[in-house]
Amino acid sequence: MAAIHPSLTIRPAIAADAALIVDFIRQLAVYEKLEHEAKASEADIARDLFGPDPKVFCEIAEWAGKPVGFALWFYTYSTFQGRHGIWLEDLYVDPALRGKGIGKALLVHLARRCVAEELGRFEWWVLDWNEPSIKFYKSQGGVMQDEWTKVRVDGDALRKLGGEG
């Protein structure tokens, strides 16, 4: 556990946190106006984060012992750098506690992991309309990668591409 502020603790998520993580995901989805896409269940989270061979990880931020945010992440790989990196899939802090350094502490925690493990990159997406987050990420040294376009294949298109549609 890493203490950044006397009231703040960041700890690895445990299996008993699966419902909490789903709740944070849903709160984030509402904020991002994407609640229709938030379909992960407690069973999904328990399986993928706490099963025998997890591929995704989570840190829980607690303020005065109460869970108030999370960072869900996984390892990536850069062929150009020849190094792994971390992809931050989700970062969320309870709106009532924003401005206390909790989001920054979660970023610092994962950046320290990158440095300690000699990883080459720490990356994530931010919605283009989310000016408060964009401003915050830039203040932390984040560089917007506007020259890249995200590509996604899912649902029927994924089944078709996979030869099953």
C-alpha atoms as a PDB file:
ATOM      1  CA  MET A   1       0.000   0.000   0.000  1.00  0.00           C
ATOM      2  CA  ALA A   2       1.201   3.467  -0.841  1.00  0.00           C
ATOM      3  CA  ALA A   3       0.210   6.422   1.345  1.00  0.00           C
ATOM      4  CA  ILE A   4       0.279   9.736  -0.572  1.00  0.00           C
ATOM      5  CA  HIS A   5      -1.843  11.873   1.811  1.00  0.00           C
ATOM      6  CA  PRO A   6      -2.667  10.931   5.409  1.00  0.00           C
ATOM      7  CA  SER A   7      -6.280  10.214   4.412  1.00  0.00           C
ATOM      8  CA  LEU A   8      -5.414   8.446   1.134  1.00  0.00           C
ATOM      9  CA  THR A   9      -4.367   4.858   0.600  1.00  0.00           C
ATOM     10  CA  ILE A  10      -3.926   3.039  -2.693  1.00  0.00           C
ATOM     11  CA  ARG A  11      -4.077  -0.732  -2.560  1.00  0.00           C
ATOM     12  CA  PRO A  12      -4.384  -3.609  -5.020  1.00  0.00           C
ATOM     13  CA  ALA A  13      -7.957  -4.749  -5.512  1.00  0.00           C
ATOM     14  CA  ILE A  14      -8.937  -8.089  -4.018  1.00  0.00           C
ATOM     15  CA  ALA A  15     -11.651 -10.553  -5.045  1.00  0.00           C
ATOM     16  CA  ALA A  16     -14.046  -9.108  -2.452  1.00  0.00           C
ATOM     17  CA  ASP A  17     -13.874  -5.799  -4.407  1.00  0.00           C
ATOM     18  CA  ALA A  18     -15.570  -7.196  -7.548  1.00  0.00           C
ATOM     19  CA  ALA A  19     -18.956  -5.565  -6.813  1.00  0.00           C
ATOM     20  CA  LEU A  20     -17.251  -2.281  -5.885  1.00  0.00           C
ATOM     21  CA  ILE A  21     -15.317  -2.297  -9.171  1.00  0.00           C
ATOM     22  CA  VAL A  22     -18.507  -2.907 -11.160  1.00  0.00           C
ATOM     23  CA  ASP A  23     -20.135  -0.013  -9.306  1.00  0.00           C
ATOM     24  CA  PHE A  24     -17.191   2.281 -10.147  1.00  0.00           C
ATOM     25  CA  ILE A  25     -17.361   1.160 -13.792  1.00  0.00           C
ATOM     26  CA  ARG A  26     -21.060   2.026 -13.923  1.00  0.00           C
ATOM     27  CA  GLN A  27     -20.488   5.433 -12.314  1.00  0.00           C
ATOM     28  CA  LEU A  28     -17.740   6.141 -14.851  1.00  0.00           C
ATOM     29  CA  ALA A  29     -20.005   5.027 -17.710  1.00  0.00           C
ATOM     30  CA  VAL A  30     -22.722   7.440 -16.545  1.00  0.00           C
ATOM     31  CA  TYR A  31     -20.190  10.293 -16.390  1.00  0.00           C
ATOM     32  CA  GLU A  32     -18.950   9.448 -19.898  1.00  0.00           C
ATOM     33  CA  LYS A  33     -22.523   9.147 -21.201  1.00  0.00           C
ATOM     34  CA  LEU A  34     -21.808   5.507 -22.108  1.00  0.00           C
ATOM     35  CA  GLU A  35     -23.968   3.654 -19.591  1.00  0.00           C
ATOM     36  CA  HIS A  36     -25.539   1.694 -22.467  1.00  0.00           C
ATOM     37  CA  GLU A  37     -22.096   0.119 -23.055  1.00  0.00           C
ATOM     38  CA  ALA A  38     -21.386  -0.861 -19.426  1.00  0.00           C
ATOM     39  CA  LYS A  39     -22.240  -4.548 -19.434  1.00  0.00           C
ATOM     40  CA  ALA A  40     -19.512  -6.015 -17.210  1.00  0.00           C
ATOM     41  CA  SER A  41     -20.892  -8.104 -14.373  1.00  0.00           C
ATOM     42  CA  GLU A  42     -19.462  -8.907 -10.976  1.00  0.00           C
ATOM     43  CA  ALA A  43     -18.775 -12.429 -12.278  1.00  0.00           C
ATOM     44  CA  ASP A  44     -16.845 -11.001 -15.267  1.00  0.00           C
ATOM     45  CA  ILE A  45     -14.680  -8.865 -12.992  1.00  0.00           C
ATOM     46  CA  ALA A  46     -14.108 -11.711 -10.528  1.00  0.00           C
ATOM     47  CA  ARG A  47     -13.093 -14.055 -13.358  1.00  0.00           C
ATOM     48  CA  ASP A  48     -10.811 -11.647 -15.209  1.00  0.00           C
ATOM     49  CA  LEU A  49      -9.117  -9.825 -12.325  1.00  0.00           C
ATOM     50  CA  PHE A  50      -8.995 -12.536  -9.693  1.00  0.00           C
ATOM     51  CA  GLY A  51      -9.012 -15.834 -11.604  1.00  0.00           C
ATOM     52  CA  PRO A  52      -6.013 -18.152 -11.893  1.00  0.00           C
ATOM     53  CA  ASP A  53      -4.226 -16.169 -14.626  1.00  0.00           C
ATOM     54  CA  PRO A  54      -5.341 -12.514 -14.524  1.00  0.00           C
ATOM     55  CA  LYS A  55      -4.602 -10.314 -17.534  1.00  0.00           C
ATOM     56  CA  VAL A  56      -6.041  -7.110 -16.046  1.00  0.00           C
ATOM     57  CA  PHE A  57      -5.385  -5.445 -12.712  1.00  0.00           C
ATOM     58  CA  CYS A  58      -6.939  -2.831 -10.459  1.00  0.00           C
ATOM     59  CA  GLU A  59      -5.888  -0.399  -7.774  1.00  0.00           C
ATOM     60  CA  ILE A  60      -8.411   0.929  -5.267  1.00  0.00           C
ATOM     61  CA  ALA A  61      -8.090   4.417  -3.788  1.00  0.00           C
ATOM     62  CA  GLU A  62      -9.451   4.790  -0.271  1.00  0.00           C
ATOM     63  CA  TRP A  63     -10.017   8.084   1.534  1.00  0.00           C
ATOM     64  CA  ALA A  64     -10.178   7.695   5.317  1.00  0.00           C
ATOM     65  CA  GLY A  65     -10.690   3.958   4.781  1.00  0.00           C
ATOM     66  CA  LYS A  66     -13.605   4.356   2.341  1.00  0.00           C
ATOM     67  CA  PRO A  67     -13.227   3.288  -1.327  1.00  0.00           C
ATOM     68  CA  VAL A  68     -13.491   6.420  -3.477  1.00  0.00           C
ATOM     69  CA  GLY A  69     -11.910   5.525  -6.812  1.00  0.00           C
ATOM     70  CA  PHE A  70     -10.075   3.035  -8.919  1.00  0.00           C
ATOM     71  CA  ALA A  71      -7.601   2.538 -11.739  1.00  0.00           C
ATOM     72  CA  LEU A  72      -8.073  -0.543 -13.919  1.00  0.00           C
ATOM     73  CA  TRP A  73      -5.089  -1.401 -16.142  1.00  0.00           C
ATOM     74  CA  PHE A  74      -3.202  -4.045 -18.111  1.00  0.00           C
ATOM     75  CA  TYR A  75       0.171  -4.536 -19.758  1.00  0.00           C
ATOM     76  CA  THR A  76       0.759  -3.637 -23.403  1.00  0.00           C
ATOM     77  CA  TYR A  77       3.782  -4.091 -25.640  1.00  0.00           C
ATOM     78  CA  SER A  78       5.544  -1.654 -27.964  1.00  0.00           C
ATOM     79  CA  THR A  79       7.373  -3.308 -30.825  1.00  0.00           C
ATOM     80  CA  PHE A  80       9.062   0.027 -31.570  1.00  0.00           C
ATOM     81  CA  GLN A  81      10.446   0.305 -28.025  1.00  0.00           C
ATOM     82  CA  GLY A  82      10.868  -3.406 -27.431  1.00  0.00           C
ATOM     83  CA  ARG A  83       9.266  -2.886 -24.030  1.00  0.00           C
ATOM     84  CA  HIS A  84       6.025  -3.518 -22.235  1.00  0.00           C
ATOM     85  CA  GLY A  85       3.907  -0.611 -21.042  1.00  0.00           C
ATOM     86  CA  ILE A  86       0.766  -0.038 -19.041  1.00  0.00           C
ATOM     87  CA  TRP A  87      -2.603   0.775 -20.566  1.00  0.00           C
ATOM     88  CA  LEU A  88      -4.921   2.558 -18.141  1.00  0.00           C
ATOM     89  CA  GLU A  89      -8.370   1.352 -19.153  1.00  0.00           C
ATOM     90  CA  ASP A  90     -10.351   3.234 -16.526  1.00  0.00           C
ATOM     91  CA  LEU A  91      -9.635   5.903 -13.926  1.00  0.00           C
ATOM     92  CA  TYR A  92     -12.457   7.109 -11.729  1.00  0.00           C
ATOM     93  CA  VAL A  93     -12.721   9.178  -8.568  1.00  0.00           C
ATOM     94  CA  ASP A  94     -15.947   9.917  -6.703  1.00  0.00           C
ATOM     95  CA  PRO A  95     -17.023  13.415  -7.826  1.00  0.00           C
ATOM     96  CA  ALA A  96     -17.449  14.537  -4.192  1.00  0.00           C
ATOM     97  CA  LEU A  97     -13.730  13.923  -3.589  1.00  0.00           C
ATOM     98  CA  ARG A  98     -12.239  15.257  -6.800  1.00  0.00           C
ATOM     99  CA  GLY A  99      -9.612  17.938  -6.331  1.00  0.00           C
ATOM    100  CA  LYS A 100      -7.980  16.181  -3.366  1.00  0.00           C
ATOM    101  CA  GLY A 101      -5.195  14.587  -5.439  1.00  0.00           C
ATOM    102  CA  ILE A 102      -6.718  11.106  -5.626  1.00  0.00           C
ATOM    103  CA  GLY A 103      -6.648  10.865  -9.438  1.00  0.00           C
ATOM    104  CA  LYS A 104      -3.104  12.186  -9.518  1.00  0.00           C
ATOM    105  CA  ALA A 105      -2.082   9.704  -6.823  1.00  0.00           C
ATOM    106  CA  LEU A 106      -3.466   6.818  -8.901  1.00  0.00           C
ATOM    107  CA  LEU A 107      -1.508   8.060 -11.937  1.00  0.00           C
ATOM    108  CA  VAL A 108       1.652   8.479  -9.857  1.00  0.00           C
ATOM    109  CA  HIS A 109       1.195   4.981  -8.420  1.00  0.00           C
ATOM    110  CA  LEU A 110       1.033   3.436 -11.907  1.00  0.00           C
ATOM    111  CA  ALA A 111       3.838   5.648 -13.252  1.00  0.00           C
ATOM    112  CA  ARG A 112       6.030   4.408 -10.396  1.00  0.00           C
ATOM    113  CA  ARG A 113       5.208   0.849 -11.418  1.00  0.00           C
ATOM    114  CA  CYS A 114       6.269   1.675 -14.984  1.00  0.00           C
ATOM    115  CA  VAL A 115       9.570   3.117 -13.764  1.00  0.00           C
ATOM    116  CA  ALA A 116      10.236   0.258 -11.322  1.00  0.00           C
ATOM    117  CA  GLU A 117       9.526  -2.373 -14.003  1.00  0.00           C
ATOM    118  CA  GLU A 118      11.425  -0.434 -16.707  1.00  0.00           C
ATOM    119  CA  LEU A 119       8.317  -0.201 -18.872  1.00  0.00           C
ATOM    120  CA  GLY A 120       8.401   2.067 -21.905  1.00  0.00           C
ATOM    121  CA  ARG A 121       4.958   3.685 -21.903  1.00  0.00           C
ATOM    122  CA  PHE A 122       1.971   4.635 -19.803  1.00  0.00           C
ATOM    123  CA  GLU A 123      -1.070   5.320 -22.010  1.00  0.00           C
ATOM    124  CA  TRP A 124      -4.828   5.767 -21.948  1.00  0.00           C
ATOM    125  CA  TRP A 125      -7.755   7.283 -23.834  1.00  0.00           C
ATOM    126  CA  VAL A 126      -9.637  10.425 -22.896  1.00  0.00           C
ATOM    127  CA  LEU A 127     -12.878  11.483 -24.549  1.00  0.00           C
ATOM    128  CA  ASP A 128     -12.351  14.560 -26.737  1.00  0.00           C
ATOM    129  CA  TRP A 129     -15.176  16.481 -25.012  1.00  0.00           C
ATOM    130  CA  ASN A 130     -13.812  15.855 -21.505  1.00  0.00           C
ATOM    131  CA  GLU A 131     -11.971  19.167 -21.095  1.00  0.00           C
ATOM    132  CA  PRO A 132     -11.418  18.878 -17.316  1.00  0.00           C
ATOM    133  CA  SER A 133      -9.680  15.520 -17.748  1.00  0.00           C
ATOM    134  CA  ILE A 134      -7.702  16.675 -20.789  1.00  0.00           C
ATOM    135  CA  LYS A 135      -6.454  19.696 -18.847  1.00  0.00           C
ATOM    136  CA  PHE A 136      -5.597  17.495 -15.859  1.00  0.00           C
ATOM    137  CA  TYR A 137      -3.726  14.911 -17.963  1.00  0.00           C
ATOM    138  CA  LYS A 138      -1.748  17.626 -19.751  1.00  0.00           C
ATOM    139  CA  SER A 139      -0.787  19.095 -16.362  1.00  0.00           C
ATOM    140  CA  GLN A 140       0.649  15.684 -15.474  1.00  0.00           C
ATOM    141  CA  GLY A 141       2.820  15.553 -18.593  1.00  0.00           C
ATOM    142  CA  GLY A 142       0.331  13.718 -20.800  1.00  0.00           C
ATOM    143  CA  VAL A 143       0.647  14.345 -24.533  1.00  0.00           C
ATOM    144  CA  MET A 144      -2.445  14.044 -26.702  1.00  0.00           C
ATOM    145  CA  GLN A 145      -1.885  11.658 -29.623  1.00  0.00           C
ATOM    146  CA  ASP A 146      -4.298  13.283 -32.078  1.00  0.00           C
ATOM    147  CA  GLU A 147      -2.644  11.738 -35.131  1.00  0.00           C
ATOM    148  CA  TRP A 148      -3.949   8.286 -34.183  1.00  0.00           C
ATOM    149  CA  THR A 149      -7.471   7.039 -34.842  1.00  0.00           C
ATOM    150  CA  LYS A 150      -8.937   4.320 -32.684  1.00  0.00           C
ATOM    151  CA  VAL A 151     -10.248   1.267 -34.534  1.00  0.00           C
ATOM    152  CA  ARG A 152     -12.797  -1.113 -33.045  1.00  0.00           C
ATOM    153  CA  VAL A 153     -14.437  -4.267 -34.341  1.00  0.00           C
ATOM    154  CA  ASP A 154     -17.125  -5.837 -32.134  1.00  0.00           C
ATOM    155  CA  GLY A 155     -20.487  -7.581 -32.170  1.00  0.00           C
ATOM    156  CA  ASP A 156     -21.647  -8.921 -35.540  1.00  0.00           C
ATOM    157  CA  ALA A 157     -18.693  -7.355 -37.338  1.00  0.00           C
ATOM    158  CA  LEU A 158     -16.278  -9.209 -35.036  1.00  0.00           C
ATOM    159  CA  ARG A 159     -18.073 -12.516 -35.615  1.00  0.00           C
ATOM    160  CA  LYS A 160     -17.992 -11.899 -39.380  1.00  0.00           C
ATOM    161  CA  LEU A 161     -14.294 -11.018 -39.327  1.00  0.00           C
ATOM    162  CA  GLY A 162     -13.669 -14.141 -37.257  1.00  0.00           C
ATOM    163  CA  GLY A 163     -15.416 -16.252 -39.906  1.00  0.00           C
ATOM    164  CA  GLU A 164     -18.513 -17.010 -37.863  1.00  0.00           C
ATOM    165  CA  GLY A 165     -20.940 -14.487 -39.357  1.00  0.00           C
END
